[in-house]
């Protein structure tokens, strides 16, 4: 019997204890996907603080939800209230933050959902690791490309101002590096463009990649 991509991934992973084994579900991954009516995937939104990651991810989520897609948004701030509440913002903690999100995203995809993650995720190696954890064709890096000067001018949480004053350490773009994607799967330039336009560009890309079908657009005017 052929193994699902998730059983294969589990077999290849380094397991911390020899007593830990992959438990097979009564409902298969394929059955969960069939019930959803679309392909599952991760839309990994990355960009500087203030670039619009969360705003655009939520706009895409709303469009997808309006026509019945099964989705969930994992937001950087929200996740740090719970799952990653024990982590700070050092480079080591940032790496662990993204590792955990990659694992959670993998579970969402196994359940057949489209999961949208909105995290700065500044390091290319961490985004690559998140991609490698998922079956081929289910991870899409979405680069929310907004110049630092624009992000600083927005500064919705006042974080850049605090970082410039030295009140916040390890702030991406100021005293911690951001490694922009070299070849993102979806490249969204936000300067002088509305949130709705950016969101619809992501939807168009999902249709082009076969994640959602154009028939969904015809059946529901929301897209």
N, C-alpha and C. Protein backbone atom coordinates (compact mmCIF):
# COMPACT_ATOMS: atom_id res chain seq x y z
N UNK A 1 0.84 -1.20 0.00
CA UNK A 1 0.00 0.00 0.00
C UNK A 1 0.88 1.25 0.00
N UNK A 2 0.55 2.20 -0.87
CA UNK A 2 1.32 3.43 -0.92
C UNK A 2 1.07 4.26 0.32
N UNK A 3 2.15 4.88 0.81
CA UNK A 3 2.03 5.74 1.98
C UNK A 3 1.65 7.14 1.56
N UNK A 4 0.93 7.84 2.44
CA UNK A 4 0.62 9.25 2.18
C UNK A 4 1.89 10.05 2.36
N UNK A 5 1.96 11.26 1.79
CA UNK A 5 3.14 12.11 1.97
C UNK A 5 3.46 12.35 3.43
N UNK A 6 2.44 12.32 4.29
CA UNK A 6 2.66 12.61 5.70
C UNK A 6 3.31 11.45 6.43
N UNK A 7 2.97 10.20 6.04
CA UNK A 7 3.62 9.04 6.62
C UNK A 7 5.09 8.99 6.18
N UNK A 8 5.34 9.36 4.92
CA UNK A 8 6.70 9.37 4.41
C UNK A 8 7.54 10.39 5.17
N UNK A 9 6.97 11.59 5.37
CA UNK A 9 7.68 12.63 6.11
C UNK A 9 8.00 12.14 7.51
N UNK A 10 7.06 11.50 8.17
CA UNK A 10 7.26 11.03 9.53
C UNK A 10 8.37 9.98 9.57
N UNK A 11 8.40 9.09 8.58
CA UNK A 11 9.43 8.06 8.55
C UNK A 11 10.82 8.66 8.40
N UNK A 12 10.93 9.74 7.64
CA UNK A 12 12.23 10.32 7.33
C UNK A 12 12.73 11.25 8.43
N UNK A 13 11.83 11.72 9.28
CA UNK A 13 12.22 12.65 10.33
C UNK A 13 13.02 11.94 11.41
N UNK A 14 13.83 12.72 12.10
CA UNK A 14 14.53 12.21 13.25
C UNK A 14 13.59 12.26 14.44
N UNK A 15 13.24 11.13 14.99
CA UNK A 15 12.31 11.06 16.11
C UNK A 15 13.08 11.17 17.41
N UNK A 16 12.62 12.01 18.32
CA UNK A 16 13.34 12.27 19.57
C UNK A 16 13.42 11.03 20.45
N UNK A 17 12.41 10.17 20.42
CA UNK A 17 12.39 8.98 21.26
C UNK A 17 11.99 7.78 20.41
N UNK A 18 12.62 6.63 20.69
CA UNK A 18 12.29 5.42 19.94
C UNK A 18 10.89 4.92 20.28
N UNK A 19 10.29 5.46 21.34
CA UNK A 19 8.94 5.06 21.73
C UNK A 19 7.86 5.84 21.00
N UNK A 20 8.26 6.85 20.22
CA UNK A 20 7.30 7.68 19.50
C UNK A 20 7.13 7.15 18.08
N UNK A 21 5.91 6.79 17.73
CA UNK A 21 5.64 6.28 16.39
C UNK A 21 4.51 7.10 15.77
N UNK A 22 4.44 7.09 14.44
CA UNK A 22 3.40 7.82 13.72
C UNK A 22 2.09 7.06 13.82
N UNK A 23 1.07 7.70 14.40
CA UNK A 23 -0.24 7.04 14.56
C UNK A 23 -1.09 7.29 13.32
N UNK A 24 -1.54 6.22 12.69
CA UNK A 24 -2.33 6.33 11.48
C UNK A 24 -3.78 6.70 11.82
N UNK A 25 -4.33 7.66 11.07
CA UNK A 25 -5.70 8.11 11.30
C UNK A 25 -6.69 7.21 10.58
N UNK A 26 -7.87 7.09 11.15
CA UNK A 26 -8.92 6.30 10.51
C UNK A 26 -9.40 6.97 9.23
N UNK A 27 -9.39 8.32 9.23
CA UNK A 27 -9.76 9.08 8.04
C UNK A 27 -8.47 9.50 7.34
N UNK A 28 -8.32 9.15 6.08
CA UNK A 28 -7.07 9.43 5.37
C UNK A 28 -6.97 10.89 4.94
N UNK A 29 -5.76 11.30 4.62
CA UNK A 29 -5.53 12.64 4.09
C UNK A 29 -6.33 12.86 2.81
N UNK A 30 -6.33 11.88 1.93
CA UNK A 30 -7.05 12.00 0.65
C UNK A 30 -8.54 12.18 0.88
N UNK A 31 -9.09 11.48 1.86
CA UNK A 31 -10.52 11.61 2.15
C UNK A 31 -10.84 12.99 2.70
N UNK A 32 -9.95 13.54 3.51
CA UNK A 32 -10.16 14.88 4.04
C UNK A 32 -10.12 15.91 2.91
N UNK A 33 -9.18 15.74 1.99
CA UNK A 33 -9.05 16.67 0.87
C UNK A 33 -10.28 16.61 -0.02
N UNK A 34 -10.76 15.39 -0.29
CA UNK A 34 -11.95 15.23 -1.14
C UNK A 34 -13.16 15.93 -0.54
N UNK A 35 -13.24 15.95 0.76
CA UNK A 35 -14.39 16.57 1.43
C UNK A 35 -14.36 18.09 1.35
N UNK A 36 -13.18 18.65 1.09
CA UNK A 36 -13.04 20.11 1.09
C UNK A 36 -13.36 20.75 -0.26
N UNK A 37 -13.07 20.05 -1.36
CA UNK A 37 -13.36 20.61 -2.68
C UNK A 37 -12.27 21.51 -3.22
N UNK A 38 -11.11 21.52 -2.59
CA UNK A 38 -9.97 22.28 -3.10
C UNK A 38 -8.69 21.63 -2.58
N UNK A 39 -7.57 21.98 -3.17
CA UNK A 39 -6.30 21.44 -2.71
C UNK A 39 -5.85 22.16 -1.43
N UNK A 40 -5.26 21.45 -0.50
CA UNK A 40 -4.73 22.10 0.69
C UNK A 40 -3.36 22.69 0.41
N UNK A 41 -3.01 23.72 1.15
CA UNK A 41 -1.68 24.31 0.97
C UNK A 41 -1.39 25.27 2.11
N UNK A 42 -0.15 25.71 2.17
CA UNK A 42 0.27 26.79 3.06
C UNK A 42 0.60 28.00 2.22
N UNK A 43 0.00 29.12 2.55
CA UNK A 43 0.38 30.41 1.97
C UNK A 43 1.23 31.10 3.03
N UNK A 44 2.53 31.11 2.81
CA UNK A 44 3.46 31.62 3.82
C UNK A 44 3.78 33.09 3.52
N UNK A 45 3.02 33.98 4.17
CA UNK A 45 3.22 35.42 3.96
C UNK A 45 4.45 35.88 4.76
N UNK A 46 5.41 36.47 4.07
CA UNK A 46 6.60 36.98 4.73
C UNK A 46 6.85 38.42 4.28
N UNK A 47 7.40 39.21 5.18
CA UNK A 47 7.69 40.61 4.88
C UNK A 47 8.00 41.34 6.17
N UNK A 48 8.45 42.56 6.05
CA UNK A 48 8.80 43.36 7.21
C UNK A 48 7.59 43.67 8.08
N UNK A 49 7.84 44.05 9.32
CA UNK A 49 6.77 44.53 10.18
C UNK A 49 6.14 45.76 9.54
N UNK A 50 4.82 45.79 9.46
CA UNK A 50 4.14 46.91 8.83
C UNK A 50 4.00 46.80 7.33
N UNK A 51 4.44 45.68 6.76
CA UNK A 51 4.36 45.51 5.31
C UNK A 51 2.94 45.24 4.83
N UNK A 52 2.10 44.73 5.75
CA UNK A 52 0.72 44.40 5.37
C UNK A 52 0.44 42.91 5.32
N UNK A 53 1.34 42.11 5.87
CA UNK A 53 1.17 40.64 5.83
C UNK A 53 -0.17 40.20 6.40
N UNK A 54 -0.43 40.58 7.65
CA UNK A 54 -1.65 40.13 8.32
C UNK A 54 -2.89 40.69 7.64
N UNK A 55 -2.83 41.96 7.23
CA UNK A 55 -3.98 42.59 6.60
C UNK A 55 -4.34 41.90 5.29
N UNK A 56 -3.33 41.65 4.47
CA UNK A 56 -3.58 41.00 3.18
C UNK A 56 -3.97 39.54 3.37
N UNK A 57 -3.30 38.85 4.30
CA UNK A 57 -3.65 37.45 4.56
C UNK A 57 -5.11 37.33 4.99
N UNK A 58 -5.57 38.23 5.83
CA UNK A 58 -6.96 38.19 6.27
C UNK A 58 -7.93 38.54 5.15
N UNK A 59 -7.51 39.43 4.25
CA UNK A 59 -8.36 39.76 3.09
C UNK A 59 -8.48 38.57 2.16
N UNK A 60 -7.38 37.85 1.96
CA UNK A 60 -7.41 36.63 1.15
C UNK A 60 -8.29 35.58 1.83
N UNK A 61 -8.12 35.45 3.13
CA UNK A 61 -8.92 34.49 3.90
C UNK A 61 -10.41 34.76 3.74
N UNK A 62 -10.78 36.04 3.80
CA UNK A 62 -12.19 36.41 3.67
C UNK A 62 -12.74 36.04 2.29
N UNK A 63 -11.95 36.28 1.25
CA UNK A 63 -12.38 35.94 -0.10
C UNK A 63 -12.55 34.43 -0.26
N UNK A 64 -11.59 33.68 0.28
CA UNK A 64 -11.67 32.22 0.19
C UNK A 64 -12.86 31.67 0.98
N UNK A 65 -13.04 32.21 2.18
CA UNK A 65 -14.14 31.74 3.03
C UNK A 65 -15.50 32.04 2.40
N UNK A 66 -15.60 33.16 1.69
CA UNK A 66 -16.87 33.57 1.10
C UNK A 66 -17.38 32.56 0.08
N UNK A 67 -16.50 31.82 -0.54
CA UNK A 67 -16.99 30.82 -1.49
C UNK A 67 -16.81 29.40 -0.99
N UNK A 68 -16.63 29.25 0.34
CA UNK A 68 -16.69 27.92 0.93
C UNK A 68 -15.38 27.19 1.12
N UNK A 69 -14.26 27.84 0.87
CA UNK A 69 -12.98 27.19 1.09
C UNK A 69 -12.74 27.02 2.59
N UNK A 70 -12.05 25.96 2.95
CA UNK A 70 -11.75 25.68 4.35
C UNK A 70 -10.36 26.23 4.67
N UNK A 71 -10.32 27.25 5.50
CA UNK A 71 -9.08 28.00 5.71
C UNK A 71 -8.86 28.30 7.19
N UNK A 72 -7.62 28.72 7.49
CA UNK A 72 -7.32 29.26 8.80
C UNK A 72 -6.10 30.15 8.70
N UNK A 73 -6.10 31.25 9.46
CA UNK A 73 -4.97 32.18 9.48
C UNK A 73 -4.18 32.01 10.77
N UNK A 74 -2.89 31.80 10.63
CA UNK A 74 -1.97 31.79 11.77
C UNK A 74 -1.22 33.12 11.74
N UNK A 75 -1.51 33.98 12.72
CA UNK A 75 -0.90 35.30 12.77
C UNK A 75 0.22 35.32 13.80
N UNK A 76 1.30 36.02 13.47
CA UNK A 76 2.47 36.05 14.34
C UNK A 76 2.17 36.50 15.75
N UNK A 77 1.45 37.60 15.91
CA UNK A 77 1.13 38.12 17.24
C UNK A 77 0.22 37.16 18.00
N UNK A 78 -0.79 36.62 17.31
CA UNK A 78 -1.74 35.73 17.98
C UNK A 78 -1.06 34.46 18.49
N UNK A 79 -0.18 33.90 17.67
CA UNK A 79 0.49 32.66 18.06
C UNK A 79 1.41 32.88 19.26
N UNK A 80 1.98 34.07 19.37
CA UNK A 80 2.87 34.35 20.51
C UNK A 80 2.09 34.55 21.81
N UNK A 81 0.78 34.61 21.74
CA UNK A 81 -0.02 34.66 22.96
C UNK A 81 -0.20 33.28 23.57
N UNK A 82 0.07 32.23 22.78
CA UNK A 82 -0.16 30.89 23.29
C UNK A 82 0.98 29.95 22.98
N UNK A 83 0.91 29.30 21.82
CA UNK A 83 1.88 28.29 21.44
C UNK A 83 3.33 28.76 21.61
N UNK A 84 3.61 29.98 21.19
CA UNK A 84 4.98 30.49 21.24
C UNK A 84 5.16 31.59 22.27
N UNK A 85 4.32 31.55 23.29
CA UNK A 85 4.38 32.57 24.33
C UNK A 85 5.65 32.53 25.16
N UNK A 86 6.39 31.44 25.09
CA UNK A 86 7.63 31.32 25.86
C UNK A 86 8.85 31.80 25.10
N UNK A 87 8.66 32.29 23.88
CA UNK A 87 9.79 32.69 23.04
C UNK A 87 9.96 34.21 23.00
N UNK A 88 11.22 34.64 22.91
CA UNK A 88 11.53 36.05 22.76
C UNK A 88 11.79 36.37 21.30
N UNK A 89 12.67 37.34 21.05
CA UNK A 89 12.91 37.78 19.67
C UNK A 89 14.39 37.72 19.29
N UNK A 90 15.15 36.93 20.02
CA UNK A 90 16.54 36.70 19.61
C UNK A 90 16.52 35.85 18.34
N UNK A 91 17.65 35.78 17.64
CA UNK A 91 17.71 34.97 16.42
C UNK A 91 17.36 33.52 16.71
N UNK A 92 17.82 32.99 17.86
CA UNK A 92 17.53 31.60 18.21
C UNK A 92 16.04 31.40 18.43
N UNK A 93 15.42 32.34 19.14
CA UNK A 93 13.98 32.22 19.38
C UNK A 93 13.18 32.39 18.11
N UNK A 94 13.64 33.24 17.21
CA UNK A 94 12.95 33.41 15.94
C UNK A 94 12.96 32.12 15.13
N UNK A 95 14.09 31.44 15.15
CA UNK A 95 14.21 30.16 14.43
C UNK A 95 13.22 29.15 15.00
N UNK A 96 13.15 29.06 16.33
CA UNK A 96 12.24 28.12 16.96
C UNK A 96 10.78 28.51 16.71
N UNK A 97 10.51 29.80 16.70
CA UNK A 97 9.17 30.30 16.40
C UNK A 97 8.69 29.77 15.04
N UNK A 98 9.54 29.90 14.05
CA UNK A 98 9.17 29.46 12.70
C UNK A 98 9.12 27.94 12.60
N UNK A 99 10.02 27.26 13.30
CA UNK A 99 9.98 25.78 13.28
C UNK A 99 8.64 25.27 13.78
N UNK A 100 8.16 25.84 14.88
CA UNK A 100 6.87 25.41 15.44
C UNK A 100 5.73 25.71 14.48
N UNK A 101 5.76 26.88 13.87
CA UNK A 101 4.69 27.24 12.92
C UNK A 101 4.70 26.31 11.72
N UNK A 102 5.89 25.93 11.28
CA UNK A 102 5.98 24.97 10.18
C UNK A 102 5.32 23.65 10.52
N UNK A 103 5.53 23.19 11.75
CA UNK A 103 4.93 21.93 12.19
C UNK A 103 3.41 22.05 12.26
N UNK A 104 2.92 23.15 12.83
CA UNK A 104 1.48 23.35 12.93
C UNK A 104 0.85 23.46 11.53
N UNK A 105 1.52 24.19 10.65
CA UNK A 105 1.02 24.33 9.27
C UNK A 105 0.91 22.98 8.59
N UNK A 106 1.87 22.12 8.85
CA UNK A 106 1.86 20.78 8.28
C UNK A 106 0.61 20.02 8.71
N UNK A 107 0.21 20.17 9.97
CA UNK A 107 -0.99 19.50 10.47
C UNK A 107 -2.25 20.05 9.79
N UNK A 108 -2.29 21.37 9.59
CA UNK A 108 -3.44 21.97 8.92
C UNK A 108 -3.57 21.44 7.49
N UNK A 109 -2.45 21.32 6.79
CA UNK A 109 -2.49 20.82 5.42
C UNK A 109 -2.90 19.35 5.41
N UNK A 110 -2.42 18.59 6.38
CA UNK A 110 -2.82 17.18 6.48
C UNK A 110 -4.33 17.08 6.65
N UNK A 111 -4.94 18.07 7.34
CA UNK A 111 -6.39 18.08 7.55
C UNK A 111 -7.15 18.56 6.32
N UNK A 112 -6.42 19.01 5.28
CA UNK A 112 -7.06 19.41 4.03
C UNK A 112 -7.36 20.88 3.91
N UNK A 113 -6.82 21.71 4.80
CA UNK A 113 -7.12 23.14 4.81
C UNK A 113 -6.11 23.96 4.00
N UNK A 114 -6.53 25.16 3.66
CA UNK A 114 -5.61 26.19 3.17
C UNK A 114 -5.25 27.02 4.39
N UNK A 115 -4.00 26.99 4.80
CA UNK A 115 -3.58 27.74 5.97
C UNK A 115 -2.73 28.93 5.53
N UNK A 116 -3.05 30.09 6.04
CA UNK A 116 -2.33 31.32 5.71
C UNK A 116 -1.53 31.73 6.94
N UNK A 117 -0.21 31.82 6.81
CA UNK A 117 0.62 32.22 7.93
C UNK A 117 1.15 33.62 7.68
N UNK A 118 1.09 34.47 8.69
CA UNK A 118 1.56 35.85 8.56
C UNK A 118 2.64 36.10 9.61
N UNK A 119 3.89 35.85 9.21
CA UNK A 119 5.04 35.99 10.10
C UNK A 119 6.16 36.70 9.35
N UNK A 120 6.91 37.52 10.04
CA UNK A 120 8.06 38.16 9.40
C UNK A 120 8.97 37.08 8.83
N UNK A 121 9.22 36.02 9.60
CA UNK A 121 10.10 34.91 9.20
C UNK A 121 11.29 35.43 8.39
N UNK A 122 12.21 36.12 9.07
CA UNK A 122 13.25 36.88 8.37
C UNK A 122 14.34 36.07 7.67
N UNK A 123 14.51 34.81 8.05
CA UNK A 123 15.64 34.05 7.53
C UNK A 123 15.23 33.07 6.44
N UNK A 124 15.95 33.11 5.31
CA UNK A 124 15.64 32.22 4.20
C UNK A 124 15.73 30.76 4.60
N UNK A 125 16.70 30.41 5.43
CA UNK A 125 16.89 29.01 5.81
C UNK A 125 15.68 28.48 6.57
N UNK A 126 15.05 29.33 7.39
CA UNK A 126 13.88 28.89 8.15
C UNK A 126 12.67 28.70 7.24
N UNK A 127 12.51 29.61 6.27
CA UNK A 127 11.41 29.44 5.32
C UNK A 127 11.62 28.20 4.46
N UNK A 128 12.86 27.94 4.12
CA UNK A 128 13.19 26.74 3.34
C UNK A 128 12.88 25.49 4.16
N UNK A 129 13.22 25.52 5.44
CA UNK A 129 12.94 24.38 6.30
C UNK A 129 11.44 24.13 6.41
N UNK A 130 10.65 25.20 6.52
CA UNK A 130 9.20 25.06 6.57
C UNK A 130 8.68 24.42 5.29
N UNK A 131 9.24 24.83 4.15
CA UNK A 131 8.83 24.26 2.86
C UNK A 131 9.16 22.77 2.81
N UNK A 132 10.35 22.42 3.30
CA UNK A 132 10.81 21.03 3.22
C UNK A 132 9.98 20.08 4.07
N UNK A 133 9.30 20.61 5.09
CA UNK A 133 8.48 19.77 5.95
C UNK A 133 7.18 19.34 5.28
N UNK A 134 6.81 20.03 4.21
CA UNK A 134 5.52 19.79 3.56
C UNK A 134 5.68 19.05 2.25
N UNK A 135 4.66 18.28 1.85
CA UNK A 135 4.72 17.61 0.55
C UNK A 135 4.89 18.61 -0.59
N UNK A 136 5.53 18.20 -1.63
CA UNK A 136 5.79 19.08 -2.77
C UNK A 136 4.48 19.64 -3.34
N UNK A 137 4.51 20.93 -3.64
CA UNK A 137 3.35 21.56 -4.24
C UNK A 137 2.32 22.06 -3.26
N UNK A 138 2.66 22.04 -1.96
CA UNK A 138 1.69 22.51 -0.96
C UNK A 138 2.18 23.74 -0.19
N UNK A 139 3.37 24.23 -0.50
CA UNK A 139 3.93 25.39 0.20
C UNK A 139 4.17 26.51 -0.80
N UNK A 140 3.59 27.68 -0.53
CA UNK A 140 3.77 28.83 -1.41
C UNK A 140 4.24 30.04 -0.60
N UNK A 141 5.44 30.46 -0.89
CA UNK A 141 6.00 31.64 -0.22
C UNK A 141 5.42 32.89 -0.87
N UNK A 142 4.75 33.71 -0.06
CA UNK A 142 4.11 34.93 -0.54
C UNK A 142 4.90 36.12 0.02
N UNK A 143 5.64 36.77 -0.83
CA UNK A 143 6.48 37.90 -0.40
C UNK A 143 5.67 39.19 -0.46
N UNK A 144 5.37 39.75 0.71
CA UNK A 144 4.69 41.04 0.77
C UNK A 144 5.78 42.09 0.75
N UNK A 145 6.04 42.56 -0.44
CA UNK A 145 7.21 43.41 -0.73
C UNK A 145 6.86 44.88 -0.52
N UNK A 146 7.24 45.39 0.64
CA UNK A 146 6.99 46.79 0.98
C UNK A 146 8.29 47.41 1.45
N UNK A 147 8.72 48.52 0.85
CA UNK A 147 9.99 49.15 1.26
C UNK A 147 10.00 49.49 2.74
N UNK A 148 11.19 49.41 3.34
CA UNK A 148 11.34 49.72 4.76
C UNK A 148 10.82 51.12 5.07
N UNK A 149 11.09 52.08 4.19
CA UNK A 149 10.65 53.45 4.44
C UNK A 149 9.13 53.54 4.54
N UNK A 150 8.43 52.75 3.72
CA UNK A 150 6.96 52.74 3.76
C UNK A 150 6.48 52.08 5.05
N UNK A 151 7.11 50.98 5.43
CA UNK A 151 6.75 50.29 6.67
C UNK A 151 6.93 51.21 7.88
N UNK A 152 8.05 51.96 7.87
CA UNK A 152 8.31 52.88 8.98
C UNK A 152 7.29 54.01 9.00
N UNK A 153 6.89 54.48 7.84
CA UNK A 153 5.92 55.58 7.81
C UNK A 153 4.56 55.11 8.31
N UNK A 154 4.24 53.85 8.11
CA UNK A 154 2.98 53.30 8.61
C UNK A 154 3.10 53.08 10.13
N UNK A 155 4.08 52.29 10.52
CA UNK A 155 4.38 51.99 11.93
C UNK A 155 3.12 51.89 12.78
N UNK A 156 2.18 50.99 12.45
CA UNK A 156 0.88 50.95 13.12
C UNK A 156 0.96 50.69 14.63
N UNK A 157 2.02 50.02 15.07
CA UNK A 157 2.15 49.70 16.50
C UNK A 157 3.21 50.56 17.19
N UNK A 158 3.82 51.48 16.45
CA UNK A 158 4.85 52.32 17.04
C UNK A 158 6.14 51.59 17.33
N UNK A 159 6.33 50.43 16.70
CA UNK A 159 7.50 49.60 17.00
C UNK A 159 8.78 50.14 16.38
N UNK A 160 8.68 50.68 15.17
CA UNK A 160 9.88 51.22 14.53
C UNK A 160 10.43 52.40 15.34
N UNK A 161 9.52 53.23 15.81
CA UNK A 161 9.94 54.40 16.60
C UNK A 161 10.69 53.94 17.86
N UNK A 162 10.16 52.90 18.51
CA UNK A 162 10.82 52.37 19.70
C UNK A 162 12.16 51.73 19.35
N UNK A 163 12.21 51.03 18.21
CA UNK A 163 13.45 50.38 17.79
C UNK A 163 14.53 51.42 17.48
N UNK A 164 14.13 52.50 16.83
CA UNK A 164 15.10 53.56 16.51
C UNK A 164 15.65 54.21 17.78
N UNK A 165 14.84 54.21 18.84
CA UNK A 165 15.28 54.80 20.12
C UNK A 165 16.07 53.80 20.96
N UNK A 166 16.15 52.56 20.47
CA UNK A 166 16.85 51.53 21.22
C UNK A 166 16.03 50.87 22.30
N UNK A 167 14.73 51.15 22.32
CA UNK A 167 13.85 50.59 23.34
C UNK A 167 13.46 49.14 23.03
N UNK A 168 13.58 48.76 21.75
CA UNK A 168 13.33 47.38 21.33
C UNK A 168 14.59 46.86 20.64
N UNK A 169 15.08 45.73 21.09
CA UNK A 169 16.26 45.12 20.51
C UNK A 169 15.86 44.00 19.54
N UNK A 170 16.76 43.69 18.62
CA UNK A 170 16.56 42.61 17.65
C UNK A 170 15.33 42.85 16.78
N UNK A 171 15.14 44.10 16.36
CA UNK A 171 13.97 44.42 15.55
C UNK A 171 14.33 44.30 14.08
N UNK A 172 13.57 43.48 13.37
CA UNK A 172 13.87 43.20 11.96
C UNK A 172 13.84 44.46 11.11
N UNK A 173 14.89 44.63 10.33
CA UNK A 173 15.00 45.79 9.45
C UNK A 173 15.78 46.92 10.08
N UNK A 174 15.94 46.89 11.42
CA UNK A 174 16.67 47.94 12.11
C UNK A 174 18.00 47.39 12.64
N UNK A 175 17.95 46.48 13.61
CA UNK A 175 19.19 45.89 14.11
C UNK A 175 19.19 44.37 14.01
N UNK A 176 18.26 43.84 13.22
CA UNK A 176 18.23 42.41 12.91
C UNK A 176 17.89 42.27 11.44
N UNK A 177 18.57 41.36 10.78
CA UNK A 177 18.47 41.25 9.32
C UNK A 177 17.14 40.67 8.85
N UNK A 178 16.71 41.12 7.67
CA UNK A 178 15.61 40.48 6.95
C UNK A 178 16.14 40.02 5.60
N UNK A 179 16.06 38.72 5.36
CA UNK A 179 16.53 38.14 4.11
C UNK A 179 15.33 37.97 3.18
N UNK A 180 15.20 38.88 2.24
CA UNK A 180 14.05 38.87 1.33
C UNK A 180 14.09 37.63 0.44
N UNK A 181 12.93 37.07 0.12
CA UNK A 181 12.89 35.91 -0.79
C UNK A 181 13.50 36.26 -2.14
N UNK A 182 14.29 35.36 -2.66
CA UNK A 182 14.91 35.57 -3.97
C UNK A 182 13.96 35.18 -5.10
N UNK A 183 13.24 34.09 -4.90
CA UNK A 183 12.30 33.61 -5.92
C UNK A 183 10.98 33.19 -5.24
N UNK A 184 10.22 34.16 -4.74
CA UNK A 184 8.97 33.81 -4.07
C UNK A 184 7.98 33.19 -5.05
N UNK A 185 7.12 32.34 -4.53
CA UNK A 185 6.08 31.73 -5.37
C UNK A 185 5.05 32.76 -5.80
N UNK A 186 4.77 33.71 -4.90
CA UNK A 186 3.83 34.79 -5.19
C UNK A 186 4.46 36.09 -4.69
N UNK A 187 4.61 37.05 -5.58
CA UNK A 187 5.30 38.31 -5.24
C UNK A 187 4.28 39.45 -5.29
N UNK A 188 4.01 40.05 -4.13
CA UNK A 188 3.02 41.11 -4.04
C UNK A 188 3.71 42.41 -3.63
N UNK A 189 3.73 43.38 -4.53
CA UNK A 189 4.29 44.70 -4.22
C UNK A 189 3.13 45.59 -3.77
N UNK A 190 3.22 46.11 -2.57
CA UNK A 190 2.07 46.79 -1.97
C UNK A 190 2.06 48.30 -2.14
N UNK A 191 3.21 48.90 -2.44
CA UNK A 191 3.27 50.36 -2.51
C UNK A 191 2.25 50.89 -3.52
N UNK A 192 1.41 51.82 -3.08
CA UNK A 192 0.40 52.47 -3.92
C UNK A 192 -0.65 51.50 -4.48
N UNK A 193 -0.86 50.37 -3.79
CA UNK A 193 -1.88 49.42 -4.23
C UNK A 193 -2.78 49.09 -3.05
N UNK A 194 -4.06 48.91 -3.32
CA UNK A 194 -5.02 48.66 -2.24
C UNK A 194 -4.89 47.24 -1.72
N UNK A 195 -5.39 47.03 -0.51
CA UNK A 195 -5.40 45.70 0.09
C UNK A 195 -6.22 44.75 -0.77
N UNK A 196 -7.37 45.23 -1.27
CA UNK A 196 -8.23 44.38 -2.09
C UNK A 196 -7.52 43.92 -3.36
N UNK A 197 -6.80 44.84 -4.00
CA UNK A 197 -6.08 44.47 -5.22
C UNK A 197 -5.01 43.43 -4.93
N UNK A 198 -4.28 43.62 -3.85
CA UNK A 198 -3.24 42.67 -3.47
C UNK A 198 -3.85 41.30 -3.17
N UNK A 199 -4.96 41.29 -2.45
CA UNK A 199 -5.62 40.03 -2.10
C UNK A 199 -6.10 39.30 -3.34
N UNK A 200 -6.66 40.04 -4.28
CA UNK A 200 -7.16 39.40 -5.50
C UNK A 200 -6.01 38.86 -6.36
N UNK A 201 -4.86 39.49 -6.28
CA UNK A 201 -3.68 38.96 -6.98
C UNK A 201 -3.28 37.60 -6.41
N UNK A 202 -3.39 37.46 -5.09
CA UNK A 202 -3.09 36.16 -4.46
C UNK A 202 -4.11 35.12 -4.91
N UNK A 203 -5.38 35.51 -4.94
CA UNK A 203 -6.43 34.59 -5.39
C UNK A 203 -6.17 34.13 -6.83
N UNK A 204 -5.80 35.07 -7.68
CA UNK A 204 -5.50 34.73 -9.08
C UNK A 204 -4.36 33.74 -9.17
N UNK A 205 -3.35 33.93 -8.33
CA UNK A 205 -2.20 33.02 -8.32
C UNK A 205 -2.64 31.62 -7.87
N UNK A 206 -3.54 31.55 -6.90
CA UNK A 206 -4.02 30.25 -6.43
C UNK A 206 -4.81 29.53 -7.52
N UNK A 207 -5.55 30.28 -8.31
CA UNK A 207 -6.27 29.68 -9.43
C UNK A 207 -5.28 29.17 -10.48
N UNK A 208 -4.26 29.97 -10.77
CA UNK A 208 -3.25 29.57 -11.75
C UNK A 208 -2.52 28.31 -11.32
N UNK A 209 -2.34 28.16 -10.00
CA UNK A 209 -1.60 27.01 -9.48
C UNK A 209 -2.51 25.81 -9.22
N UNK A 210 -3.80 25.96 -9.47
CA UNK A 210 -4.72 24.85 -9.33
C UNK A 210 -5.13 24.52 -7.91
N UNK A 211 -4.90 25.46 -6.97
CA UNK A 211 -5.32 25.23 -5.58
C UNK A 211 -6.83 25.36 -5.46
N UNK A 212 -7.37 26.39 -6.07
CA UNK A 212 -8.81 26.56 -6.14
C UNK A 212 -9.19 26.65 -7.62
N UNK A 213 -10.41 26.31 -7.93
CA UNK A 213 -10.82 26.27 -9.33
C UNK A 213 -11.53 27.54 -9.74
N UNK A 214 -11.50 27.83 -11.03
CA UNK A 214 -12.20 29.01 -11.55
C UNK A 214 -13.70 28.82 -11.44
N UNK A 215 -14.16 27.58 -11.32
CA UNK A 215 -15.60 27.33 -11.18
C UNK A 215 -16.11 27.91 -9.88
N UNK A 216 -15.25 28.00 -8.86
CA UNK A 216 -15.66 28.60 -7.60
C UNK A 216 -15.99 30.07 -7.81
N UNK A 217 -15.22 30.72 -8.67
CA UNK A 217 -15.48 32.13 -8.97
C UNK A 217 -16.82 32.28 -9.67
N UNK A 218 -17.12 31.36 -10.57
CA UNK A 218 -18.37 31.45 -11.31
C UNK A 218 -19.58 31.18 -10.41
N UNK A 219 -19.38 30.27 -9.43
CA UNK A 219 -20.48 29.90 -8.55
C UNK A 219 -20.72 30.90 -7.43
N UNK A 220 -19.74 31.79 -7.20
CA UNK A 220 -19.88 32.76 -6.12
C UNK A 220 -19.17 34.03 -6.54
N UNK A 221 -19.92 35.10 -6.62
CA UNK A 221 -19.35 36.36 -7.11
C UNK A 221 -18.33 36.99 -6.19
N UNK A 222 -18.09 36.41 -5.00
CA UNK A 222 -17.18 37.01 -4.05
C UNK A 222 -15.77 37.12 -4.58
N UNK A 223 -15.39 36.20 -5.47
CA UNK A 223 -14.04 36.25 -6.01
C UNK A 223 -13.98 37.06 -7.30
